[in-house]
Amino acid sequence: MPELPEVENIKFGLEEVVINKKIINITYSKVVEDSHKVGKMAIVKQKLSAFSDSVKGKEIEKLSRRGKYLYFTLNEGYIITHFGMTGAFFLVKDIAEITNKNYYKHQHVIFELSTGEKLVYSDIRRFGELRYIDDITKFKPFINLAPEPFDKKAKKYFLSKLEENKYREQSIKALLLEGNVFCGCGNIYDCEVLYRQKIHPLTKASELSKKKKESLFKELIDILDFAIKEGGSTISDYVHADGGEGNMQNFHQIYGKKVCPLGHEVENVTIKGRSSHFCPICQKK
């Protein structure tokens, strides 16, 4: 969290208010400075002085999303962000405008803009990251990332990946969490899609027919598209750049539920360190 729909909505909100604005200074919280001293839980993944020197004086020309990453195209170079579990940006004139107490308390990187505004990166659990790079094409996490879900090549790519020997005997839930198999989905939407398709999360890729794999891909696209339109899912801490919440959580059928829509008790199984919600009746293996 945030997953593709949430990051896309963060992008929507920010690109309306930060494009063509110049970064004139950057300040860091004591937490960020101390984390660099001890080398633990560092949000900025390079020396703070190097990050500051690379970004100061640059103008924000464009915002883009790749998978669960958001990146700012500057007039020279890029700022790449991954939100981890609880990262968020806020554009404010005064820090006091961040009304969410948790995000106000955990503000870590403040970009001071030429307009007098502040672009604040807050991260409650500090699993997110920021970094500056010169060439986006050389950013390693992007190199093997699957095509964007709405790309024309995505379906063919997805179906071919499920047929590869190293993936055929893995559980479908584990594969949906792999960014080089399907891009942008995480635990929430994977659970929702598998429930809607009546697929047990431990079902192996080889156990699914081609028709079922095609149906699964369509469900993935449909739910991501719908979640984007609903502003993403606000489960605990995710908010838009203006502090508003998403609405998609109101349409969840299985994630975080005790019973499924048909009244069956929901169970959990841990896959790749994630607790996967499923209905043992509706999603028989």
C-alpha atoms as a PDB file:
ATOM      1  CA  MET A   1       0.000   0.000   0.000  1.00  0.00           C
ATOM      2  CA  PRO A   2      -0.311   2.300  -1.851  1.00  0.00           C
ATOM      3  CA  GLU A   3      -0.851   0.152  -4.955  1.00  0.00           C
ATOM      4  CA  LEU A   4      -1.269   1.294  -8.564  1.00  0.00           C
ATOM      5  CA  PRO A   5      -4.695   2.989  -8.154  1.00  0.00           C
ATOM      6  CA  GLU A   6      -3.526   4.926  -5.099  1.00  0.00           C
ATOM      7  CA  VAL A   7      -0.279   6.091  -6.736  1.00  0.00           C
ATOM      8  CA  GLU A   8      -2.188   7.084  -9.869  1.00  0.00           C
ATOM      9  CA  ASN A   9      -4.498   9.253  -7.778  1.00  0.00           C
ATOM     10  CA  ILE A  10      -1.560  10.834  -5.966  1.00  0.00           C
ATOM     11  CA  LYS A  11      -0.136  11.663  -9.399  1.00  0.00           C
ATOM     12  CA  PHE A  12      -3.451  13.162 -10.533  1.00  0.00           C
ATOM     13  CA  GLY A  13      -3.579  15.428  -7.519  1.00  0.00           C
ATOM     14  CA  LEU A  14       0.027  16.573  -7.594  1.00  0.00           C
ATOM     15  CA  GLU A  15       0.419  17.227 -11.300  1.00  0.00           C
ATOM     16  CA  GLU A  16      -2.323  19.851 -11.089  1.00  0.00           C
ATOM     17  CA  VAL A  17      -0.400  21.872  -8.522  1.00  0.00           C
ATOM     18  CA  VAL A  18       3.378  21.330  -8.843  1.00  0.00           C
ATOM     19  CA  ILE A  19       4.129  21.429 -12.584  1.00  0.00           C
ATOM     20  CA  ASN A  20       6.460  24.293 -13.625  1.00  0.00           C
ATOM     21  CA  LYS A  21       7.396  25.065 -10.039  1.00  0.00           C
ATOM     22  CA  LYS A  22      11.036  25.230  -8.977  1.00  0.00           C
ATOM     23  CA  ILE A  23      12.564  23.532  -5.939  1.00  0.00           C
ATOM     24  CA  ILE A  24      14.601  26.181  -4.152  1.00  0.00           C
ATOM     25  CA  ASN A  25      15.528  24.336  -0.950  1.00  0.00           C
ATOM     26  CA  ILE A  26      15.128  21.043   0.902  1.00  0.00           C
ATOM     27  CA  THR A  27      14.978  20.414   4.643  1.00  0.00           C
ATOM     28  CA  TYR A  28      14.970  17.118   6.507  1.00  0.00           C
ATOM     29  CA  SER A  29      13.542  15.970   9.808  1.00  0.00           C
ATOM     30  CA  LYS A  30      15.874  14.898  12.590  1.00  0.00           C
ATOM     31  CA  VAL A  31      14.613  11.345  12.028  1.00  0.00           C
ATOM     32  CA  VAL A  32      15.929  11.415   8.459  1.00  0.00           C
ATOM     33  CA  GLU A  33      19.252  12.918   9.490  1.00  0.00           C
ATOM     34  CA  ASP A  34      19.712  10.406  12.309  1.00  0.00           C
ATOM     35  CA  SER A  35      18.776   7.454  10.097  1.00  0.00           C
ATOM     36  CA  HIS A  36      21.596   8.404   7.744  1.00  0.00           C
ATOM     37  CA  LYS A  37      24.049   8.534  10.620  1.00  0.00           C
ATOM     38  CA  VAL A  38      23.235   4.991  11.708  1.00  0.00           C
ATOM     39  CA  GLY A  39      22.434   3.655   8.234  1.00  0.00           C
ATOM     40  CA  LYS A  40      18.974   2.346   9.132  1.00  0.00           C
ATOM     41  CA  MET A  41      15.480   3.066   7.750  1.00  0.00           C
ATOM     42  CA  ALA A  42      16.852   5.747   5.420  1.00  0.00           C
ATOM     43  CA  ILE A  43      14.065   7.344   3.383  1.00  0.00           C
ATOM     44  CA  VAL A  44      16.455   9.204   1.095  1.00  0.00           C
ATOM     45  CA  LYS A  45      18.517   6.461  -0.526  1.00  0.00           C
ATOM     46  CA  GLN A  46      21.687   8.505  -1.027  1.00  0.00           C
ATOM     47  CA  LYS A  47      23.716  11.068   0.867  1.00  0.00           C
ATOM     48  CA  LEU A  48      21.477  13.908   1.929  1.00  0.00           C
ATOM     49  CA  SER A  49      23.929  16.507   0.664  1.00  0.00           C
ATOM     50  CA  ALA A  50      24.109  14.794  -2.736  1.00  0.00           C
ATOM     51  CA  PHE A  51      20.320  14.563  -2.973  1.00  0.00           C
ATOM     52  CA  SER A  52      19.896  18.230  -2.025  1.00  0.00           C
ATOM     53  CA  ASP A  53      22.575  19.455  -4.426  1.00  0.00           C
ATOM     54  CA  SER A  54      21.079  17.413  -7.272  1.00  0.00           C
ATOM     55  CA  VAL A  55      17.536  18.679  -6.759  1.00  0.00           C
ATOM     56  CA  LYS A  56      17.877  22.311  -5.664  1.00  0.00           C
ATOM     57  CA  GLY A  57      17.276  24.811  -8.422  1.00  0.00           C
ATOM     58  CA  LYS A  58      15.508  22.278 -10.637  1.00  0.00           C
ATOM     59  CA  GLU A  59      12.033  22.789 -12.086  1.00  0.00           C
ATOM     60  CA  ILE A  60       9.329  20.118 -11.990  1.00  0.00           C
ATOM     61  CA  GLU A  61       8.255  19.508 -15.584  1.00  0.00           C
ATOM     62  CA  LYS A  62       6.145  16.356 -15.365  1.00  0.00           C
ATOM     63  CA  LEU A  63       4.849  13.617 -13.046  1.00  0.00           C
ATOM     64  CA  SER A  64       4.692   9.981 -14.111  1.00  0.00           C
ATOM     65  CA  ARG A  65       3.822   6.625 -12.577  1.00  0.00           C
ATOM     66  CA  ARG A  66       5.498   3.293 -13.266  1.00  0.00           C
ATOM     67  CA  GLY A  67       3.935   0.426 -11.360  1.00  0.00           C
ATOM     68  CA  LYS A  68       3.795   1.577  -7.741  1.00  0.00           C
ATOM     69  CA  TYR A  69       6.496   4.213  -8.268  1.00  0.00           C
ATOM     70  CA  LEU A  70       5.877   7.923  -8.787  1.00  0.00           C
ATOM     71  CA  TYR A  71       8.586  10.005 -10.395  1.00  0.00           C
ATOM     72  CA  PHE A  72       9.090  13.694 -11.021  1.00  0.00           C
ATOM     73  CA  THR A  73      10.734  14.689 -14.287  1.00  0.00           C
ATOM     74  CA  LEU A  74      12.867  17.746 -13.610  1.00  0.00           C
ATOM     75  CA  ASN A  75      14.418  19.997 -16.230  1.00  0.00           C
ATOM     76  CA  GLU A  76      17.464  17.858 -15.507  1.00  0.00           C
ATOM     77  CA  GLY A  77      17.176  14.431 -13.881  1.00  0.00           C
ATOM     78  CA  TYR A  78      14.418  12.729 -11.890  1.00  0.00           C
ATOM     79  CA  ILE A  79      13.147  12.308  -8.333  1.00  0.00           C
ATOM     80  CA  ILE A  80      11.809   8.780  -7.838  1.00  0.00           C
ATOM     81  CA  THR A  81       9.427   7.911  -5.012  1.00  0.00           C
ATOM     82  CA  HIS A  82       8.165   4.623  -3.663  1.00  0.00           C
ATOM     83  CA  PHE A  83       5.587   5.082  -0.916  1.00  0.00           C
ATOM     84  CA  GLY A  84       6.237   1.852   0.947  1.00  0.00           C
ATOM     85  CA  MET A  85       3.260   1.255   3.227  1.00  0.00           C
ATOM     86  CA  THR A  86       2.431   4.741   4.507  1.00  0.00           C
ATOM     87  CA  GLY A  87       4.187   7.368   2.388  1.00  0.00           C
ATOM     88  CA  ALA A  88       2.297  10.474   1.226  1.00  0.00           C
ATOM     89  CA  PHE A  89       2.876  13.901  -0.312  1.00  0.00           C
ATOM     90  CA  PHE A  90       1.156  17.127   0.758  1.00  0.00           C
ATOM     91  CA  LEU A  91       1.350  20.520  -0.942  1.00  0.00           C
ATOM     92  CA  VAL A  92       0.812  23.250   1.644  1.00  0.00           C
ATOM     93  CA  LYS A  93       1.652  26.865   2.343  1.00  0.00           C
ATOM     94  CA  ASP A  94       2.097  26.079   6.010  1.00  0.00           C
ATOM     95  CA  ILE A  95       2.910  22.731   7.668  1.00  0.00           C
ATOM     96  CA  ALA A  96      -0.053  23.249   9.992  1.00  0.00           C
ATOM     97  CA  GLU A  97      -2.309  22.609   6.989  1.00  0.00           C
ATOM     98  CA  ILE A  98      -1.505  18.890   7.278  1.00  0.00           C
ATOM     99  CA  THR A  99      -4.507  18.049   9.425  1.00  0.00           C
ATOM    100  CA  ASN A 100      -3.890  14.302   9.624  1.00  0.00           C
ATOM    101  CA  LYS A 101      -2.103  14.019  12.975  1.00  0.00           C
ATOM    102  CA  ASN A 102      -0.028  10.978  12.023  1.00  0.00           C
ATOM    103  CA  TYR A 103       1.247  12.537   8.806  1.00  0.00           C
ATOM    104  CA  TYR A 104       1.857  15.876  10.530  1.00  0.00           C
ATOM    105  CA  LYS A 105       3.948  14.133  13.153  1.00  0.00           C
ATOM    106  CA  HIS A 106       5.932  12.118  10.609  1.00  0.00           C
ATOM    107  CA  GLN A 107       6.870  14.772   8.059  1.00  0.00           C
ATOM    108  CA  HIS A 108      10.378  13.921   6.848  1.00  0.00           C
ATOM    109  CA  VAL A 109      11.382  15.690   3.638  1.00  0.00           C
ATOM    110  CA  ILE A 110      10.228  19.214   2.793  1.00  0.00           C
ATOM    111  CA  PHE A 111      10.745  20.649  -0.693  1.00  0.00           C
ATOM    112  CA  GLU A 112      10.451  24.431  -0.597  1.00  0.00           C
ATOM    113  CA  LEU A 113       9.058  25.704  -3.892  1.00  0.00           C
ATOM    114  CA  SER A 114       9.501  28.980  -5.752  1.00  0.00           C
ATOM    115  CA  THR A 115       5.851  29.841  -5.052  1.00  0.00           C
ATOM    116  CA  GLY A 116       6.403  29.847  -1.286  1.00  0.00           C
ATOM    117  CA  GLU A 117       4.603  26.519  -0.985  1.00  0.00           C
ATOM    118  CA  LYS A 118       6.011  23.367   0.571  1.00  0.00           C
ATOM    119  CA  LEU A 119       5.837  19.889  -0.943  1.00  0.00           C
ATOM    120  CA  VAL A 120       6.025  17.629   2.116  1.00  0.00           C
ATOM    121  CA  TYR A 121       6.849  13.939   2.061  1.00  0.00           C
ATOM    122  CA  SER A 122       5.499  12.239   5.201  1.00  0.00           C
ATOM    123  CA  ASP A 123       5.904   8.573   6.048  1.00  0.00           C
ATOM    124  CA  ILE A 124       4.503   7.078   9.238  1.00  0.00           C
ATOM    125  CA  ARG A 125       6.305   3.720   9.090  1.00  0.00           C
ATOM    126  CA  ARG A 126       9.275   4.951   7.009  1.00  0.00           C
ATOM    127  CA  PHE A 127       9.323   2.091   4.486  1.00  0.00           C
ATOM    128  CA  GLY A 128       9.119   4.523   1.560  1.00  0.00           C
ATOM    129  CA  GLU A 129      12.014   5.994  -0.383  1.00  0.00           C
ATOM    130  CA  LEU A 130      13.178   9.018  -2.333  1.00  0.00           C
ATOM    131  CA  ARG A 131      16.147   9.224  -4.665  1.00  0.00           C
ATOM    132  CA  TYR A 132      17.551  11.383  -7.459  1.00  0.00           C
ATOM    133  CA  ILE A 133      18.791   9.794 -10.673  1.00  0.00           C
ATOM    134  CA  ASP A 134      20.118  11.211 -13.925  1.00  0.00           C
ATOM    135  CA  ASP A 135      18.725   8.571 -16.308  1.00  0.00           C
ATOM    136  CA  ILE A 136      15.324   6.930 -15.737  1.00  0.00           C
ATOM    137  CA  THR A 137      16.097   4.162 -18.243  1.00  0.00           C
ATOM    138  CA  LYS A 138      18.863   2.866 -15.977  1.00  0.00           C
ATOM    139  CA  PHE A 139      16.730   2.609 -12.836  1.00  0.00           C
ATOM    140  CA  LYS A 140      17.044  -1.096 -12.012  1.00  0.00           C
ATOM    141  CA  PRO A 141      13.516  -1.741 -10.618  1.00  0.00           C
ATOM    142  CA  PHE A 142      12.069  -0.552 -13.954  1.00  0.00           C
ATOM    143  CA  ILE A 143      14.232  -2.723 -16.191  1.00  0.00           C
ATOM    144  CA  ASN A 144      12.438  -6.053 -15.582  1.00  0.00           C
ATOM    145  CA  LEU A 145       9.077  -4.620 -14.557  1.00  0.00           C
ATOM    146  CA  ALA A 146       6.090  -6.002 -16.468  1.00  0.00           C
ATOM    147  CA  PRO A 147       4.322  -3.690 -18.949  1.00  0.00           C
ATOM    148  CA  GLU A 148       1.782  -1.295 -17.503  1.00  0.00           C
ATOM    149  CA  PRO A 149      -1.549  -3.157 -17.101  1.00  0.00           C
ATOM    150  CA  PHE A 150      -3.335  -0.915 -19.608  1.00  0.00           C
ATOM    151  CA  ASP A 151      -0.574  -1.317 -22.203  1.00  0.00           C
ATOM    152  CA  LYS A 152      -1.575  -3.288 -25.326  1.00  0.00           C
ATOM    153  CA  LYS A 153       1.301  -5.685 -24.713  1.00  0.00           C
ATOM    154  CA  ALA A 154       0.347  -6.461 -21.111  1.00  0.00           C
ATOM    155  CA  LYS A 155      -2.070  -9.347 -21.720  1.00  0.00           C
ATOM    156  CA  LYS A 156       0.246 -11.306 -24.019  1.00  0.00           C
ATOM    157  CA  TYR A 157       3.140 -10.685 -21.636  1.00  0.00           C
ATOM    158  CA  PHE A 158       1.124 -11.852 -18.600  1.00  0.00           C
ATOM    159  CA  LEU A 159      -0.106 -15.044 -20.259  1.00  0.00           C
ATOM    160  CA  SER A 160       3.378 -15.918 -21.483  1.00  0.00           C
ATOM    161  CA  LYS A 161       4.876 -15.398 -18.023  1.00  0.00           C
ATOM    162  CA  LEU A 162       2.406 -17.833 -16.470  1.00  0.00           C
ATOM    163  CA  GLU A 163       3.634 -20.443 -18.954  1.00  0.00           C
ATOM    164  CA  GLU A 164       7.320 -20.078 -18.072  1.00  0.00           C
ATOM    165  CA  ASN A 165       8.794 -23.099 -16.304  1.00  0.00           C
ATOM    166  CA  LYS A 166       9.960 -21.125 -13.278  1.00  0.00           C
ATOM    167  CA  TYR A 167       6.450 -19.763 -12.718  1.00  0.00           C
ATOM    168  CA  ARG A 168       4.124 -22.607 -13.728  1.00  0.00           C
ATOM    169  CA  GLU A 169       4.290 -24.383 -10.372  1.00  0.00           C
ATOM    170  CA  GLN A 170       4.073 -21.274  -8.212  1.00  0.00           C
ATOM    171  CA  SER A 171       0.838 -20.130  -6.593  1.00  0.00           C
ATOM    172  CA  ILE A 172      -1.123 -17.584  -8.561  1.00  0.00           C
ATOM    173  CA  LYS A 173      -1.212 -15.230  -5.552  1.00  0.00           C
ATOM    174  CA  ALA A 174       2.582 -15.267  -5.305  1.00  0.00           C
ATOM    175  CA  LEU A 175       2.834 -14.515  -9.021  1.00  0.00           C
ATOM    176  CA  LEU A 176       0.421 -11.589  -8.849  1.00  0.00           C
ATOM    177  CA  LEU A 177       2.709 -10.069  -6.220  1.00  0.00           C
ATOM    178  CA  GLU A 178       5.652 -10.323  -8.637  1.00  0.00           C
ATOM    179  CA  GLY A 179       6.157  -7.040 -10.449  1.00  0.00           C
ATOM    180  CA  ASN A 180       7.856  -8.768 -13.351  1.00  0.00           C
ATOM    181  CA  VAL A 181       4.716 -10.887 -13.919  1.00  0.00           C
ATOM    182  CA  PHE A 182       2.001  -8.272 -13.416  1.00  0.00           C
ATOM    183  CA  CYS A 183       2.738  -4.632 -12.686  1.00  0.00           C
ATOM    184  CA  GLY A 184       1.135  -2.504  -9.977  1.00  0.00           C
ATOM    185  CA  CYS A 185      -1.027  -4.904  -7.981  1.00  0.00           C
ATOM    186  CA  GLY A 186      -0.423  -5.657  -4.326  1.00  0.00           C
ATOM    187  CA  ASN A 187      -2.112  -7.630  -1.596  1.00  0.00           C
ATOM    188  CA  ILE A 188      -5.402  -5.728  -1.561  1.00  0.00           C
ATOM    189  CA  TYR A 189      -6.351  -5.947  -5.223  1.00  0.00           C
ATOM    190  CA  ASP A 190      -4.853  -9.415  -5.646  1.00  0.00           C
ATOM    191  CA  CYS A 191      -7.174 -10.716  -2.916  1.00  0.00           C
ATOM    192  CA  GLU A 192     -10.143  -8.956  -4.465  1.00  0.00           C
ATOM    193  CA  VAL A 193      -9.455 -10.236  -7.980  1.00  0.00           C
ATOM    194  CA  LEU A 194      -8.936 -13.843  -6.903  1.00  0.00           C
ATOM    195  CA  TYR A 195     -12.188 -13.789  -4.942  1.00  0.00           C
ATOM    196  CA  ARG A 196     -14.125 -12.370  -7.888  1.00  0.00           C
ATOM    197  CA  GLN A 197     -12.642 -15.069 -10.122  1.00  0.00           C
ATOM    198  CA  LYS A 198     -13.304 -17.798  -7.491  1.00  0.00           C
ATOM    199  CA  ILE A 199      -9.637 -18.830  -7.556  1.00  0.00           C
ATOM    200  CA  HIS A 200      -7.954 -20.142  -4.400  1.00  0.00           C
ATOM    201  CA  PRO A 201      -4.763 -18.105  -3.796  1.00  0.00           C
ATOM    202  CA  LEU A 202      -2.632 -21.279  -3.569  1.00  0.00           C
ATOM    203  CA  THR A 203      -3.762 -22.523  -6.988  1.00  0.00           C
ATOM    204  CA  LYS A 204      -0.734 -23.095  -9.218  1.00  0.00           C
ATOM    205  CA  ALA A 205      -0.498 -21.252 -12.511  1.00  0.00           C
ATOM    206  CA  SER A 206      -0.334 -24.608 -14.307  1.00  0.00           C
ATOM    207  CA  GLU A 207      -3.734 -25.532 -12.838  1.00  0.00           C
ATOM    208  CA  LEU A 208      -5.491 -22.654 -14.588  1.00  0.00           C
ATOM    209  CA  SER A 209      -6.830 -23.057 -18.112  1.00  0.00           C
ATOM    210  CA  LYS A 210      -5.912 -20.495 -20.762  1.00  0.00           C
ATOM    211  CA  LYS A 211      -9.496 -19.229 -20.684  1.00  0.00           C
ATOM    212  CA  LYS A 212      -9.308 -18.766 -16.908  1.00  0.00           C
ATOM    213  CA  LYS A 213      -5.989 -16.941 -17.187  1.00  0.00           C
ATOM    214  CA  GLU A 214      -7.503 -14.592 -19.747  1.00  0.00           C
ATOM    215  CA  SER A 215     -10.502 -14.025 -17.482  1.00  0.00           C
ATOM    216  CA  LEU A 216      -8.163 -13.327 -14.572  1.00  0.00           C
ATOM    217  CA  PHE A 217      -6.241 -10.746 -16.591  1.00  0.00           C
ATOM    218  CA  LYS A 218      -9.474  -8.982 -17.565  1.00  0.00           C
ATOM    219  CA  GLU A 219     -10.553  -8.921 -13.912  1.00  0.00           C
ATOM    220  CA  LEU A 220      -7.214  -7.364 -12.948  1.00  0.00           C
ATOM    221  CA  ILE A 221      -7.653  -4.607 -15.515  1.00  0.00           C
ATOM    222  CA  ASP A 222     -11.272  -3.999 -14.564  1.00  0.00           C
ATOM    223  CA  ILE A 223     -10.627  -3.705 -10.842  1.00  0.00           C
ATOM    224  CA  LEU A 224      -7.622  -1.412 -11.278  1.00  0.00           C
ATOM    225  CA  ASP A 225      -9.596   0.832 -13.616  1.00  0.00           C
ATOM    226  CA  PHE A 226     -12.539   0.954 -11.210  1.00  0.00           C
ATOM    227  CA  ALA A 227     -10.267   1.591  -8.205  1.00  0.00           C
ATOM    228  CA  ILE A 228      -8.580   4.494  -9.981  1.00  0.00           C
ATOM    229  CA  LYS A 229     -11.979   6.067 -10.682  1.00  0.00           C
ATOM    230  CA  GLU A 230     -12.982   5.576  -7.037  1.00  0.00           C
ATOM    231  CA  GLY A 231      -9.860   7.346  -5.789  1.00  0.00           C
ATOM    232  CA  GLY A 232      -8.101   4.238  -4.475  1.00  0.00           C
ATOM    233  CA  SER A 233      -8.579   2.424  -1.171  1.00  0.00           C
ATOM    234  CA  THR A 234      -8.193   4.210   2.157  1.00  0.00           C
ATOM    235  CA  ILE A 235      -7.670   1.335   4.588  1.00  0.00           C
ATOM    236  CA  SER A 236      -5.743   3.093   7.327  1.00  0.00           C
ATOM    237  CA  ASP A 237      -3.329   5.809   6.281  1.00  0.00           C
ATOM    238  CA  TYR A 238      -3.574   6.340   2.512  1.00  0.00           C
ATOM    239  CA  VAL A 239      -4.749   9.837   1.544  1.00  0.00           C
ATOM    240  CA  HIS A 240      -4.674  11.985  -1.576  1.00  0.00           C
ATOM    241  CA  ALA A 241      -2.286  14.918  -1.931  1.00  0.00           C
ATOM    242  CA  ASP A 242      -5.026  17.230  -0.646  1.00  0.00           C
ATOM    243  CA  GLY A 243      -5.656  15.024   2.392  1.00  0.00           C
ATOM    244  CA  GLY A 244      -8.845  13.489   0.971  1.00  0.00           C
ATOM    245  CA  GLU A 245      -9.609   9.787   1.174  1.00  0.00           C
ATOM    246  CA  GLY A 246     -10.356   7.180  -1.471  1.00  0.00           C
ATOM    247  CA  ASN A 247     -13.666   5.363  -1.819  1.00  0.00           C
ATOM    248  CA  MET A 248     -12.665   1.950  -3.186  1.00  0.00           C
ATOM    249  CA  GLN A 249     -12.573   0.328   0.269  1.00  0.00           C
ATOM    250  CA  ASN A 250     -16.367   0.528   0.249  1.00  0.00           C
ATOM    251  CA  PHE A 251     -16.428  -1.933  -2.661  1.00  0.00           C
ATOM    252  CA  HIS A 252     -14.049  -4.543  -1.200  1.00  0.00           C
ATOM    253  CA  GLN A 253     -15.607  -7.991  -1.048  1.00  0.00           C
ATOM    254  CA  ILE A 254     -12.921 -10.053   0.697  1.00  0.00           C
ATOM    255  CA  TYR A 255      -9.892  -8.028   1.801  1.00  0.00           C
ATOM    256  CA  GLY A 256     -10.082  -7.353   5.527  1.00  0.00           C
ATOM    257  CA  LYS A 257     -13.488  -9.004   5.805  1.00  0.00           C
ATOM    258  CA  LYS A 258     -14.630 -11.612   8.335  1.00  0.00           C
ATOM    259  CA  VAL A 259     -17.272 -13.066   6.023  1.00  0.00           C
ATOM    260  CA  CYS A 260     -17.562 -13.041   2.228  1.00  0.00           C
ATOM    261  CA  PRO A 261     -20.580 -11.514   0.427  1.00  0.00           C
ATOM    262  CA  LEU A 262     -22.283 -14.921   0.539  1.00  0.00           C
ATOM    263  CA  GLY A 263     -21.895 -15.172   4.309  1.00  0.00           C
ATOM    264  CA  HIS A 264     -19.012 -17.666   4.496  1.00  0.00           C
ATOM    265  CA  GLU A 265     -16.244 -17.218   7.041  1.00  0.00           C
ATOM    266  CA  VAL A 266     -13.106 -15.726   5.513  1.00  0.00           C
ATOM    267  CA  GLU A 267      -9.733 -17.374   6.137  1.00  0.00           C
ATOM    268  CA  ASN A 268      -6.152 -16.156   5.798  1.00  0.00           C
ATOM    269  CA  VAL A 269      -3.059 -17.818   4.408  1.00  0.00           C
ATOM    270  CA  THR A 270       0.418 -16.266   4.395  1.00  0.00           C
ATOM    271  CA  ILE A 271       1.969 -16.062   0.936  1.00  0.00           C
ATOM    272  CA  LYS A 272       5.282 -14.279   0.384  1.00  0.00           C
ATOM    273  CA  GLY A 273       4.931 -12.710   3.811  1.00  0.00           C
ATOM    274  CA  ARG A 274       1.482 -11.293   3.048  1.00  0.00           C
ATOM    275  CA  SER A 275      -1.752 -12.345   4.719  1.00  0.00           C
ATOM    276  CA  SER A 276      -4.084 -13.358   1.892  1.00  0.00           C
ATOM    277  CA  HIS A 277      -7.807 -13.233   2.588  1.00  0.00           C
ATOM    278  CA  PHE A 278      -9.941 -15.839   0.831  1.00  0.00           C
ATOM    279  CA  CYS A 279     -13.191 -17.760   1.153  1.00  0.00           C
ATOM    280  CA  PRO A 280     -12.612 -21.533   1.399  1.00  0.00           C
ATOM    281  CA  ILE A 281     -16.135 -22.181   0.065  1.00  0.00           C
ATOM    282  CA  CYS A 282     -16.217 -19.753  -2.864  1.00  0.00           C
ATOM    283  CA  GLN A 283     -12.553 -20.286  -3.722  1.00  0.00           C
ATOM    284  CA  LYS A 284     -12.148 -24.032  -3.475  1.00  0.00           C
ATOM    285  CA  LYS A 285      -8.766 -25.368  -4.532  1.00  0.00           C
END
